[in-house]
C-alpha atoms as a PDB file:
ATOM      1  CA  MET A   1    -102.952  21.757 -22.066  1.00  0.00           C
ATOM      2  CA  LEU A   2    -106.062  19.813 -21.116  1.00  0.00           C
ATOM      3  CA  VAL A   3    -107.543  17.226 -23.479  1.00  0.00           C
ATOM      4  CA  PHE A   4    -111.054  15.790 -23.575  1.00  0.00           C
ATOM      5  CA  LEU A   5    -111.000  11.995 -23.675  1.00  0.00           C
ATOM      6  CA  ASN A   6    -114.150   9.891 -23.433  1.00  0.00           C
ATOM      7  CA  GLY A   7    -115.991  12.205 -21.055  1.00  0.00           C
ATOM      8  CA  LYS A   8    -113.013  13.349 -18.955  1.00  0.00           C
ATOM      9  CA  PHE A   9    -110.746  16.399 -19.046  1.00  0.00           C
ATOM     10  CA  VAL A  10    -107.169  15.265 -18.488  1.00  0.00           C
ATOM     11  CA  PRO A  11    -103.645  16.654 -19.047  1.00  0.00           C
ATOM     12  CA  GLU A  12    -102.405  15.895 -22.561  1.00  0.00           C
ATOM     13  CA  ALA A  13     -99.614  13.640 -21.235  1.00  0.00           C
ATOM     14  CA  GLU A  14    -102.235  11.461 -19.533  1.00  0.00           C
ATOM     15  CA  ALA A  15    -104.562  11.199 -22.541  1.00  0.00           C
ATOM     16  CA  VAL A  16    -103.862   7.717 -23.876  1.00  0.00           C
ATOM     17  CA  VAL A  17    -105.820   5.205 -25.951  1.00  0.00           C
ATOM     18  CA  PRO A  18    -105.281   1.429 -26.249  1.00  0.00           C
ATOM     19  CA  VAL A  19    -102.894   0.137 -28.892  1.00  0.00           C
ATOM     20  CA  SER A  20    -105.831  -1.980 -30.100  1.00  0.00           C
ATOM     21  CA  ASP A  21    -107.836   1.146 -31.016  1.00  0.00           C
ATOM     22  CA  ARG A  22    -108.983   0.765 -34.621  1.00  0.00           C
ATOM     23  CA  GLY A  23    -108.337   4.430 -35.293  1.00  0.00           C
ATOM     24  CA  PHE A  24    -104.645   3.786 -34.603  1.00  0.00           C
ATOM     25  CA  LEU A  25    -104.550   0.416 -36.363  1.00  0.00           C
ATOM     26  CA  LEU A  26    -106.760   1.021 -39.407  1.00  0.00           C
ATOM     27  CA  GLY A  27    -107.735   4.682 -39.606  1.00  0.00           C
ATOM     28  CA  ASP A  28    -111.238   3.520 -38.686  1.00  0.00           C
ATOM     29  CA  GLY A  29    -112.762   6.805 -37.642  1.00  0.00           C
ATOM     30  CA  LEU A  30    -113.676  10.399 -38.361  1.00  0.00           C
ATOM     31  CA  PHE A  31    -112.426  13.833 -37.419  1.00  0.00           C
ATOM     32  CA  GLU A  32    -113.452  17.465 -37.589  1.00  0.00           C
ATOM     33  CA  THR A  33    -111.192  20.512 -37.482  1.00  0.00           C
ATOM     34  CA  VAL A  34    -112.780  23.679 -36.102  1.00  0.00           C
ATOM     35  CA  ARG A  35    -111.422  27.224 -35.981  1.00  0.00           C
ATOM     36  CA  VAL A  36    -111.714  28.831 -32.548  1.00  0.00           C
ATOM     37  CA  ALA A  37    -112.060  32.621 -32.769  1.00  0.00           C
ATOM     38  CA  GLY A  38    -112.568  34.899 -29.809  1.00  0.00           C
ATOM     39  CA  GLY A  39    -112.876  31.860 -27.556  1.00  0.00           C
ATOM     40  CA  LYS A  40    -115.777  30.443 -29.588  1.00  0.00           C
ATOM     41  CA  PRO A  41    -115.706  27.454 -31.985  1.00  0.00           C
ATOM     42  CA  PHE A  42    -116.766  28.785 -35.389  1.00  0.00           C
ATOM     43  CA  ARG A  43    -119.615  26.881 -37.051  1.00  0.00           C
ATOM     44  CA  LEU A  44    -119.323  24.055 -34.530  1.00  0.00           C
ATOM     45  CA  ALA A  45    -122.942  22.969 -35.074  1.00  0.00           C
ATOM     46  CA  GLN A  46    -122.267  22.266 -38.757  1.00  0.00           C
ATOM     47  CA  HIS A  47    -119.091  20.341 -37.929  1.00  0.00           C
ATOM     48  CA  LEU A  48    -120.932  18.233 -35.362  1.00  0.00           C
ATOM     49  CA  GLU A  49    -123.755  17.525 -37.794  1.00  0.00           C
ATOM     50  CA  ARG A  50    -121.254  16.281 -40.384  1.00  0.00           C
ATOM     51  CA  LEU A  51    -119.555  14.165 -37.708  1.00  0.00           C
ATOM     52  CA  ALA A  52    -122.914  12.615 -36.838  1.00  0.00           C
ATOM     53  CA  ARG A  53    -123.704  11.881 -40.495  1.00  0.00           C
ATOM     54  CA  GLY A  54    -120.301  10.292 -40.925  1.00  0.00           C
ATOM     55  CA  ALA A  55    -120.725   8.184 -37.790  1.00  0.00           C
ATOM     56  CA  GLU A  56    -124.058   6.930 -39.092  1.00  0.00           C
ATOM     57  CA  PHE A  57    -122.533   6.119 -42.484  1.00  0.00           C
ATOM     58  CA  LEU A  58    -119.598   4.248 -40.927  1.00  0.00           C
ATOM     59  CA  GLN A  59    -121.894   2.660 -38.325  1.00  0.00           C
ATOM     60  CA  ILE A  60    -119.868   4.025 -35.421  1.00  0.00           C
ATOM     61  CA  ARG A  61    -121.887   4.786 -32.312  1.00  0.00           C
ATOM     62  CA  LEU A  62    -121.564   8.429 -31.287  1.00  0.00           C
ATOM     63  CA  PRO A  63    -121.045   8.173 -27.497  1.00  0.00           C
ATOM     64  CA  PHE A  64    -122.421  11.639 -26.719  1.00  0.00           C
ATOM     65  CA  THR A  65    -125.244  13.791 -28.032  1.00  0.00           C
ATOM     66  CA  LEU A  66    -124.385  16.757 -30.230  1.00  0.00           C
ATOM     67  CA  GLN A  67    -125.506  19.064 -27.418  1.00  0.00           C
ATOM     68  CA  GLU A  68    -123.103  17.340 -25.013  1.00  0.00           C
ATOM     69  CA  LEU A  69    -120.250  17.603 -27.506  1.00  0.00           C
ATOM     70  CA  ASP A  70    -120.965  21.310 -27.935  1.00  0.00           C
ATOM     71  CA  ALA A  71    -120.830  21.785 -24.154  1.00  0.00           C
ATOM     72  CA  PHE A  72    -117.635  19.721 -23.837  1.00  0.00           C
ATOM     73  CA  ALA A  73    -115.928  21.769 -26.564  1.00  0.00           C
ATOM     74  CA  THR A  74    -116.958  25.041 -24.917  1.00  0.00           C
ATOM     75  CA  ARG A  75    -115.634  23.854 -21.562  1.00  0.00           C
ATOM     76  CA  LEU A  76    -112.359  22.615 -23.067  1.00  0.00           C
ATOM     77  CA  ILE A  77    -111.717  26.013 -24.635  1.00  0.00           C
ATOM     78  CA  ALA A  78    -112.544  27.785 -21.360  1.00  0.00           C
ATOM     79  CA  GLU A  79    -110.468  25.406 -19.216  1.00  0.00           C
ATOM     80  CA  ASN A  80    -107.426  25.989 -21.415  1.00  0.00           C
ATOM     81  CA  GLY A  81    -108.003  29.745 -21.523  1.00  0.00           C
ATOM     82  CA  VAL A  82    -107.471  30.031 -25.285  1.00  0.00           C
ATOM     83  CA  SER A  83    -108.965  32.682 -27.532  1.00  0.00           C
ATOM     84  CA  ASP A  84    -107.753  31.731 -31.014  1.00  0.00           C
ATOM     85  CA  ALA A  85    -106.854  28.128 -31.716  1.00  0.00           C
ATOM     86  CA  VAL A  86    -107.656  24.972 -33.659  1.00  0.00           C
ATOM     87  CA  LEU A  87    -110.081  22.480 -32.106  1.00  0.00           C
ATOM     88  CA  ARG A  88    -109.950  18.916 -33.370  1.00  0.00           C
ATOM     89  CA  LEU A  89    -112.569  16.262 -32.619  1.00  0.00           C
ATOM     90  CA  THR A  90    -111.601  12.665 -33.340  1.00  0.00           C
ATOM     91  CA  LEU A  91    -114.029   9.748 -33.203  1.00  0.00           C
ATOM     92  CA  THR A  92    -112.829   6.170 -33.711  1.00  0.00           C
ATOM     93  CA  ARG A  93    -114.594   2.830 -33.539  1.00  0.00           C
ATOM     94  CA  GLY A  94    -112.492   2.111 -30.463  1.00  0.00           C
ATOM     95  CA  PRO A  95    -110.578  -1.002 -29.422  1.00  0.00           C
ATOM     96  CA  GLY A  96    -111.154  -4.156 -31.445  1.00  0.00           C
ATOM     97  CA  GLY A  97    -109.738  -7.506 -32.377  1.00  0.00           C
ATOM     98  CA  ARG A  98    -107.265  -8.289 -35.126  1.00  0.00           C
ATOM     99  CA  GLY A  99    -108.485  -7.931 -38.705  1.00  0.00           C
ATOM    100  CA  TYR A 100    -110.856  -5.717 -40.607  1.00  0.00           C
ATOM    101  CA  SER A 101    -114.122  -6.949 -39.124  1.00  0.00           C
ATOM    102  CA  PRO A 102    -115.668  -4.356 -36.767  1.00  0.00           C
ATOM    103  CA  LYS A 103    -117.423  -7.042 -34.717  1.00  0.00           C
ATOM    104  CA  GLY A 104    -116.903  -6.530 -31.002  1.00  0.00           C
ATOM    105  CA  ALA A 105    -115.637  -2.962 -31.399  1.00  0.00           C
ATOM    106  CA  ASN A 106    -118.481  -1.316 -29.531  1.00  0.00           C
ATOM    107  CA  GLN A 107    -116.681   1.149 -27.245  1.00  0.00           C
ATOM    108  CA  PRO A 108    -115.887   4.165 -29.452  1.00  0.00           C
ATOM    109  CA  THR A 109    -113.138   6.633 -28.581  1.00  0.00           C
ATOM    110  CA  LEU A 110    -113.833  10.368 -28.695  1.00  0.00           C
ATOM    111  CA  VAL A 111    -111.051  12.902 -28.242  1.00  0.00           C
ATOM    112  CA  MET A 112    -110.962  16.705 -28.411  1.00  0.00           C
ATOM    113  CA  THR A 113    -107.694  18.629 -28.524  1.00  0.00           C
ATOM    114  CA  LEU A 114    -106.643  22.255 -28.974  1.00  0.00           C
ATOM    115  CA  GLN A 115    -103.634  23.432 -30.976  1.00  0.00           C
ATOM    116  CA  PRO A 116    -102.274  26.926 -31.688  1.00  0.00           C
ATOM    117  CA  LEU A 117    -102.984  28.631 -34.996  1.00  0.00           C
ATOM    118  CA  PRO A 118    -100.258  28.607 -37.673  1.00  0.00           C
ATOM    119  CA  PRO A 119     -97.875  31.446 -36.721  1.00  0.00           C
ATOM    120  CA  THR A 120     -98.207  33.337 -40.028  1.00  0.00           C
ATOM    121  CA  LEU A 121    -102.004  33.245 -40.162  1.00  0.00           C
ATOM    122  CA  ALA A 122    -102.703  36.573 -38.460  1.00  0.00           C
ATOM    123  CA  SER A 123     -99.490  38.484 -39.176  1.00  0.00           C
ATOM    124  CA  ASP A 124     -98.833  37.584 -42.805  1.00  0.00           C
ATOM    125  CA  PRO A 125    -101.837  36.274 -44.786  1.00  0.00           C
ATOM    126  CA  PRO A 126    -100.440  33.842 -47.346  1.00  0.00           C
ATOM    127  CA  ALA A 127    -100.837  33.423 -51.084  1.00  0.00           C
ATOM    128  CA  TRP A 128    -100.140  29.786 -51.778  1.00  0.00           C
ATOM    129  CA  ARG A 129     -98.022  28.195 -54.457  1.00  0.00           C
ATOM    130  CA  MET A 130     -99.820  25.053 -55.591  1.00  0.00           C
ATOM    131  CA  ILE A 131     -98.811  22.038 -57.663  1.00  0.00           C
ATOM    132  CA  THR A 132    -100.955  19.332 -59.234  1.00  0.00           C
ATOM    133  CA  SER A 133    -100.436  16.048 -57.438  1.00  0.00           C
ATOM    134  CA  ALA A 134     -99.786  12.845 -59.360  1.00  0.00           C
ATOM    135  CA  LEU A 135    -102.293  11.112 -57.073  1.00  0.00           C
ATOM    136  CA  ARG A 136    -105.973  10.797 -57.991  1.00  0.00           C
ATOM    137  CA  ILE A 137    -109.259  10.736 -56.028  1.00  0.00           C
ATOM    138  CA  PRO A 138    -112.007   8.325 -57.157  1.00  0.00           C
ATOM    139  CA  ALA A 139    -114.855  10.328 -58.647  1.00  0.00           C
ATOM    140  CA  GLY A 140    -118.139   9.751 -56.848  1.00  0.00           C
ATOM    141  CA  ASP A 141    -116.521   8.105 -53.811  1.00  0.00           C
ATOM    142  CA  ALA A 142    -119.095   8.117 -50.978  1.00  0.00           C
ATOM    143  CA  LEU A 143    -116.339   8.180 -48.347  1.00  0.00           C
ATOM    144  CA  ALA A 144    -115.117  11.525 -49.717  1.00  0.00           C
ATOM    145  CA  THR A 145    -118.249  13.088 -48.240  1.00  0.00           C
ATOM    146  CA  PHE A 146    -116.847  12.649 -44.711  1.00  0.00           C
ATOM    147  CA  LYS A 147    -113.581  13.464 -42.955  1.00  0.00           C
ATOM    148  CA  THR A 148    -112.363   9.958 -42.283  1.00  0.00           C
ATOM    149  CA  THR A 149    -109.104   9.431 -40.432  1.00  0.00           C
ATOM    150  CA  SER A 150    -107.813   7.391 -43.402  1.00  0.00           C
ATOM    151  CA  LYS A 151    -105.977  10.316 -45.049  1.00  0.00           C
ATOM    152  CA  MET A 152    -102.874   8.689 -46.526  1.00  0.00           C
ATOM    153  CA  LEU A 153    -103.579  10.067 -49.992  1.00  0.00           C
ATOM    154  CA  ASN A 154    -103.777  13.592 -48.593  1.00  0.00           C
ATOM    155  CA  VAL A 155    -100.602  13.093 -46.559  1.00  0.00           C
ATOM    156  CA  LEU A 156     -98.670  11.954 -49.641  1.00  0.00           C
ATOM    157  CA  ALA A 157    -100.088  14.789 -51.767  1.00  0.00           C
ATOM    158  CA  ARG A 158     -99.010  17.404 -49.212  1.00  0.00           C
ATOM    159  CA  ALA A 159     -95.568  15.805 -48.989  1.00  0.00           C
ATOM    160  CA  GLU A 160     -95.357  15.912 -52.783  1.00  0.00           C
ATOM    161  CA  ALA A 161     -96.124  19.638 -52.721  1.00  0.00           C
ATOM    162  CA  GLU A 162     -93.559  20.350 -50.020  1.00  0.00           C
ATOM    163  CA  GLN A 163     -90.891  18.394 -51.889  1.00  0.00           C
ATOM    164  CA  GLN A 164     -91.477  20.714 -54.863  1.00  0.00           C
ATOM    165  CA  GLY A 165     -91.290  23.850 -52.731  1.00  0.00           C
ATOM    166  CA  ALA A 166     -95.050  24.460 -52.887  1.00  0.00           C
ATOM    167  CA  ASP A 167     -97.572  25.140 -50.137  1.00  0.00           C
ATOM    168  CA  GLU A 168    -100.419  22.923 -51.264  1.00  0.00           C
ATOM    169  CA  ALA A 169    -101.313  20.128 -53.679  1.00  0.00           C
ATOM    170  CA  LEU A 170    -104.220  20.159 -56.116  1.00  0.00           C
ATOM    171  CA  LEU A 171    -105.949  16.784 -56.358  1.00  0.00           C
ATOM    172  CA  LEU A 172    -107.720  15.662 -59.522  1.00  0.00           C
ATOM    173  CA  ASN A 173    -110.250  12.867 -59.673  1.00  0.00           C
ATOM    174  CA  THR A 174    -110.051   9.760 -61.838  1.00  0.00           C
ATOM    175  CA  ASN A 175    -111.800  11.689 -64.646  1.00  0.00           C
ATOM    176  CA  GLY A 176    -108.981  14.247 -64.721  1.00  0.00           C
ATOM    177  CA  GLU A 177    -111.182  16.976 -63.219  1.00  0.00           C
ATOM    178  CA  VAL A 178    -110.338  19.220 -60.263  1.00  0.00           C
ATOM    179  CA  ALA A 179    -111.591  17.676 -57.002  1.00  0.00           C
ATOM    180  CA  GLU A 180    -110.010  19.502 -54.041  1.00  0.00           C
ATOM    181  CA  THR A 181    -106.643  20.240 -52.470  1.00  0.00           C
ATOM    182  CA  ALA A 182    -104.823  18.082 -49.942  1.00  0.00           C
ATOM    183  CA  GLY A 183    -106.471  20.067 -47.168  1.00  0.00           C
ATOM    184  CA  GLY A 184    -109.265  22.219 -48.575  1.00  0.00           C
ATOM    185  CA  ASN A 185    -111.803  23.085 -51.241  1.00  0.00           C
ATOM    186  CA  VAL A 186    -111.069  24.899 -54.497  1.00  0.00           C
ATOM    187  CA  PHE A 187    -112.797  28.053 -55.754  1.00  0.00           C
ATOM    188  CA  TRP A 188    -112.115  30.157 -58.828  1.00  0.00           C
ATOM    189  CA  VAL A 189    -113.405  33.372 -60.380  1.00  0.00           C
ATOM    190  CA  ALA A 190    -114.759  33.232 -63.945  1.00  0.00           C
ATOM    191  CA  HIS A 191    -116.467  36.175 -65.614  1.00  0.00           C
ATOM    192  CA  GLY A 192    -117.111  37.754 -62.231  1.00  0.00           C
ATOM    193  CA  LYS A 193    -118.743  34.579 -60.911  1.00  0.00           C
ATOM    194  CA  ILE A 194    -117.469  32.620 -57.886  1.00  0.00           C
ATOM    195  CA  CYS A 195    -117.241  28.936 -58.843  1.00  0.00           C
ATOM    196  CA  THR A 196    -116.473  25.686 -57.042  1.00  0.00           C
ATOM    197  CA  VAL A 197    -116.610  22.015 -57.957  1.00  0.00           C
ATOM    198  CA  PRO A 198    -119.522  19.668 -57.122  1.00  0.00           C
ATOM    199  CA  ALA A 199    -118.992  17.376 -54.150  1.00  0.00           C
ATOM    200  CA  GLU A 200    -119.647  14.461 -56.510  1.00  0.00           C
ATOM    201  CA  GLN A 201    -116.293  15.148 -58.171  1.00  0.00           C
ATOM    202  CA  GLY A 202    -114.563  13.675 -55.108  1.00  0.00           C
ATOM    203  CA  ALA A 203    -114.430  16.835 -52.983  1.00  0.00           C
ATOM    204  CA  LEU A 204    -115.281  16.987 -49.318  1.00  0.00           C
ATOM    205  CA  PRO A 205    -118.241  19.373 -48.881  1.00  0.00           C
ATOM    206  CA  GLY A 206    -116.331  21.608 -46.484  1.00  0.00           C
ATOM    207  CA  ILE A 207    -117.912  23.757 -43.788  1.00  0.00           C
ATOM    208  CA  THR A 208    -115.815  26.752 -44.883  1.00  0.00           C
ATOM    209  CA  ARG A 209    -116.848  26.056 -48.478  1.00  0.00           C
ATOM    210  CA  ALA A 210    -120.499  26.339 -47.442  1.00  0.00           C
ATOM    211  CA  THR A 211    -119.744  29.483 -45.424  1.00  0.00           C
ATOM    212  CA  VAL A 212    -118.089  31.150 -48.407  1.00  0.00           C
ATOM    213  CA  LEU A 213    -121.079  30.364 -50.607  1.00  0.00           C
ATOM    214  CA  GLU A 214    -123.260  32.056 -47.970  1.00  0.00           C
ATOM    215  CA  ILE A 215    -120.921  35.049 -47.897  1.00  0.00           C
ATOM    216  CA  CYS A 216    -121.149  35.379 -51.679  1.00  0.00           C
ATOM    217  CA  LEU A 217    -124.928  35.503 -51.349  1.00  0.00           C
ATOM    218  CA  THR A 218    -124.735  38.324 -48.801  1.00  0.00           C
ATOM    219  CA  LEU A 219    -122.252  40.221 -51.005  1.00  0.00           C
ATOM    220  CA  GLY A 220    -124.471  39.830 -54.061  1.00  0.00           C
ATOM    221  CA  LEU A 221    -121.875  37.753 -55.903  1.00  0.00           C
ATOM    222  CA  ALA A 222    -123.104  35.156 -58.372  1.00  0.00           C
ATOM    223  CA  THR A 223    -121.978  31.588 -57.711  1.00  0.00           C
ATOM    224  CA  GLU A 224    -121.838  28.382 -59.721  1.00  0.00           C
ATOM    225  CA  VAL A 225    -121.067  24.775 -58.880  1.00  0.00           C
ATOM    226  CA  CYS A 226    -119.508  23.108 -61.920  1.00  0.00           C
ATOM    227  CA  PRO A 227    -116.637  20.810 -62.949  1.00  0.00           C
ATOM    228  CA  ILE A 228    -113.360  22.213 -64.251  1.00  0.00           C
ATOM    229  CA  LYS A 229    -110.132  20.893 -65.764  1.00  0.00           C
ATOM    230  CA  PRO A 230    -106.755  22.013 -64.384  1.00  0.00           C
ATOM    231  CA  ASP A 231    -105.800  23.913 -67.565  1.00  0.00           C
ATOM    232  CA  GLN A 232    -109.014  25.923 -67.221  1.00  0.00           C
ATOM    233  CA  LEU A 233    -108.289  26.574 -63.574  1.00  0.00           C
ATOM    234  CA  VAL A 234    -104.921  28.199 -64.239  1.00  0.00           C
ATOM    235  CA  ALA A 235    -106.591  30.475 -66.802  1.00  0.00           C
ATOM    236  CA  ALA A 236    -109.206  31.711 -64.311  1.00  0.00           C
ATOM    237  CA  GLU A 237    -109.403  35.311 -63.113  1.00  0.00           C
ATOM    238  CA  GLY A 238    -108.429  34.119 -59.652  1.00  0.00           C
ATOM    239  CA  VAL A 239    -108.184  30.939 -57.588  1.00  0.00           C
ATOM    240  CA  PHE A 240    -108.488  30.420 -53.853  1.00  0.00           C
ATOM    241  CA  VAL A 241    -108.649  27.601 -51.326  1.00  0.00           C
ATOM    242  CA  THR A 242    -110.997  27.377 -48.354  1.00  0.00           C
ATOM    243  CA  GLN A 243    -110.457  25.405 -45.179  1.00  0.00           C
ATOM    244  CA  SER A 244    -111.297  25.707 -41.511  1.00  0.00           C
ATOM    245  CA  VAL A 245    -107.885  26.714 -40.176  1.00  0.00           C
ATOM    246  CA  TRP A 246    -106.713  29.162 -42.855  1.00  0.00           C
ATOM    247  CA  GLY A 247    -110.108  30.400 -43.999  1.00  0.00           C
ATOM    248  CA  VAL A 248    -109.815  31.947 -47.485  1.00  0.00           C
ATOM    249  CA  VAL A 249    -106.361  31.628 -49.072  1.00  0.00           C
ATOM    250  CA  PRO A 250    -105.540  33.089 -52.524  1.00  0.00           C
ATOM    251  CA  VAL A 251    -103.479  30.925 -54.883  1.00  0.00           C
ATOM    252  CA  ALA A 252    -100.493  32.717 -56.406  1.00  0.00           C
ATOM    253  CA  SER A 253     -99.373  30.004 -58.823  1.00  0.00           C
ATOM    254  CA  LEU A 254    -100.261  26.547 -60.097  1.00  0.00           C
ATOM    255  CA  ASP A 255     -97.486  24.264 -61.348  1.00  0.00           C
ATOM    256  CA  GLY A 256     -95.187  27.274 -61.607  1.00  0.00           C
ATOM    257  CA  LEU A 257     -97.606  29.330 -63.697  1.00  0.00           C
ATOM    258  CA  PRO A 258     -98.918  32.582 -62.178  1.00  0.00           C
ATOM    259  CA  VAL A 259    -102.627  32.706 -61.350  1.00  0.00           C
ATOM    260  CA  GLY A 260    -104.799  35.790 -61.675  1.00  0.00           C
ATOM    261  CA  SER A 261    -105.533  37.876 -58.584  1.00  0.00           C
ATOM    262  CA  SER A 262    -109.187  38.901 -58.676  1.00  0.00           C
ATOM    263  CA  PRO A 263    -110.161  41.647 -56.190  1.00  0.00           C
ATOM    264  CA  LEU A 264    -113.274  39.591 -55.445  1.00  0.00           C
ATOM    265  CA  ILE A 265    -111.117  37.156 -53.479  1.00  0.00           C
ATOM    266  CA  GLY A 266    -110.038  39.946 -51.153  1.00  0.00           C
ATOM    267  CA  ARG A 267    -113.668  40.982 -50.608  1.00  0.00           C
ATOM    268  CA  ILE A 268    -114.635  37.428 -49.706  1.00  0.00           C
ATOM    269  CA  ALA A 269    -111.626  37.031 -47.394  1.00  0.00           C
ATOM    270  CA  GLN A 270    -112.447  40.262 -45.574  1.00  0.00           C
ATOM    271  CA  ALA A 271    -116.070  39.208 -45.157  1.00  0.00           C
ATOM    272  CA  TYR A 272    -114.989  35.822 -43.824  1.00  0.00           C
ATOM    273  CA  THR A 273    -112.714  37.495 -41.266  1.00  0.00           C
ATOM    274  CA  ALA A 274    -115.622  39.672 -40.193  1.00  0.00           C
ATOM    275  CA  TRP A 275    -117.857  36.629 -39.745  1.00  0.00           C
ATOM    276  CA  LEU A 276    -115.142  35.019 -37.614  1.00  0.00           C
ATOM    277  CA  ALA A 277    -114.944  38.148 -35.467  1.00  0.00           C
ATOM    278  CA  ARG A 278    -118.685  38.004 -34.877  1.00  0.00           C
ATOM    279  CA  ALA A 279    -118.405  34.220 -34.287  1.00  0.00           C
ATOM    280  CA  GLU A 280    -121.591  33.629 -36.259  1.00  0.00           C
ATOM    281  CA  ALA A 281    -122.836  30.081 -35.886  1.00  0.00           C
END
């Protein structure tokens, strides 16, 4: 498998970064995960725009234009001859000196890699068992707006879920309200309306989240962005998670309690699959 590293396409075994890279040392960077469908990166423009906004916020120089990154991603997919995969873009501040200060770290690292889809994604669409994590996300955290490489909280939340035999962890914010999951955004169905939490609650404004809100508009489904407590979530008509790799995933249970299965979730999932097939950008 070929990897893109700082302007070059090299075999994965030869793609190395310095041990002084601040992404490795401090998680000082950003990443984007993009679904590749039919050989095309789905909604890549939106992912690149978020990467650029994050780089500006973190004051990391983006070493290529968004147009160049688009072309590099397209070439990487073609060079590897993949049709359906997961594309990851990682941007770090690059090598630097010891300590937290970013002074002198002015050669950013940019990597693109391709990985296969989860094996059950196409053959056996899942319905996830979810638990509420004991960890909390700060409400109103500006960093939550971007996909930083500092994801220890998410790693521990996912591990917590797996230790309890669940597929995913629900994360609450410091106000006790639903924020997101370890790896996606939360939606629920209430009175026939498709609802999700505000980004200000600590949730990453996901690209798939935005896509699903667009899909609801095309399907004529009412939507609402509002806060919710976990006890209200389990009482909803249906709950689902959105993320770039899995798309739309129904939730079967929360903390061992069964969750409703609204037929609207199936309609949205089918529409999302159709959009993937058309590779709409």
